[in-house]
């Protein structure tokens, strides 16, 4: 796929998503406010270690 074809398909999808409202359909964000449903937080070193085991 050439760079021109790649950019063309990217912008075509971008315009479609903006006008159709698809960019607002995400289960992690409230569609009316665009704020995250849960407050993001960083894991501590201990929490990360637990995930690795």
Protein backbone atom coordinates (compact mmCIF):
# COMPACT_ATOMS: atom_id res chain seq x y z
CA UNK A 1 0.00 0.00 0.00
CA UNK A 2 1.46 3.33 -1.01
CA UNK A 3 1.72 6.25 1.39
CA UNK A 4 -0.84 8.21 -0.62
CA UNK A 5 -3.37 5.37 -0.41
CA UNK A 6 -2.73 4.99 3.32
CA UNK A 7 -3.26 8.71 3.96
CA UNK A 8 -6.36 8.75 1.78
CA UNK A 9 -7.94 5.89 3.74
CA UNK A 10 -6.95 7.48 7.06
CA UNK A 11 -8.52 10.84 6.26
CA UNK A 12 -11.59 9.21 4.76
CA UNK A 13 -12.18 7.33 8.01
CA UNK A 14 -11.36 10.39 10.12
CA UNK A 15 -13.96 12.52 8.35
CA UNK A 16 -16.54 9.72 8.55
CA UNK A 17 -15.99 9.24 12.28
CA UNK A 18 -16.21 12.96 13.02
CA UNK A 19 -19.46 13.51 11.11
CA UNK A 20 -21.16 10.27 12.20
CA UNK A 21 -20.24 10.65 15.88
CA UNK A 22 -18.35 7.34 15.99
CA UNK A 23 -15.44 9.00 17.75
CA UNK A 24 -17.66 9.44 20.81
CA UNK A 25 -18.57 5.74 21.04
CA UNK A 26 -16.04 4.37 23.47
CA UNK A 27 -16.96 2.24 26.50
CA UNK A 28 -14.23 3.86 28.61
CA UNK A 29 -15.54 7.43 28.26
CA UNK A 30 -18.86 9.18 28.91
CA UNK A 31 -20.15 10.18 25.45
CA UNK A 32 -21.71 13.47 26.60
CA UNK A 33 -18.73 14.82 28.58
CA UNK A 34 -15.88 12.83 27.00
CA UNK A 35 -14.50 12.28 30.52
CA UNK A 36 -13.25 8.86 31.65
CA UNK A 37 -15.86 6.70 33.42
CA UNK A 38 -13.31 5.65 36.05
CA UNK A 39 -10.63 7.96 37.41
CA UNK A 40 -7.27 6.87 35.98
CA UNK A 41 -4.47 6.15 38.45
CA UNK A 42 -0.94 4.79 38.33
CA UNK A 43 -0.18 1.41 39.80
CA UNK A 44 2.35 1.21 42.59
CA UNK A 45 5.45 -0.94 42.21
CA UNK A 46 3.87 -3.58 44.43
CA UNK A 47 0.69 -3.68 42.35
CA UNK A 48 2.73 -4.05 39.16
CA UNK A 49 4.74 -6.87 40.70
CA UNK A 50 1.52 -8.70 41.58
CA UNK A 51 0.37 -8.49 37.97
CA UNK A 52 3.63 -9.97 36.70
CA UNK A 53 3.29 -13.12 38.81
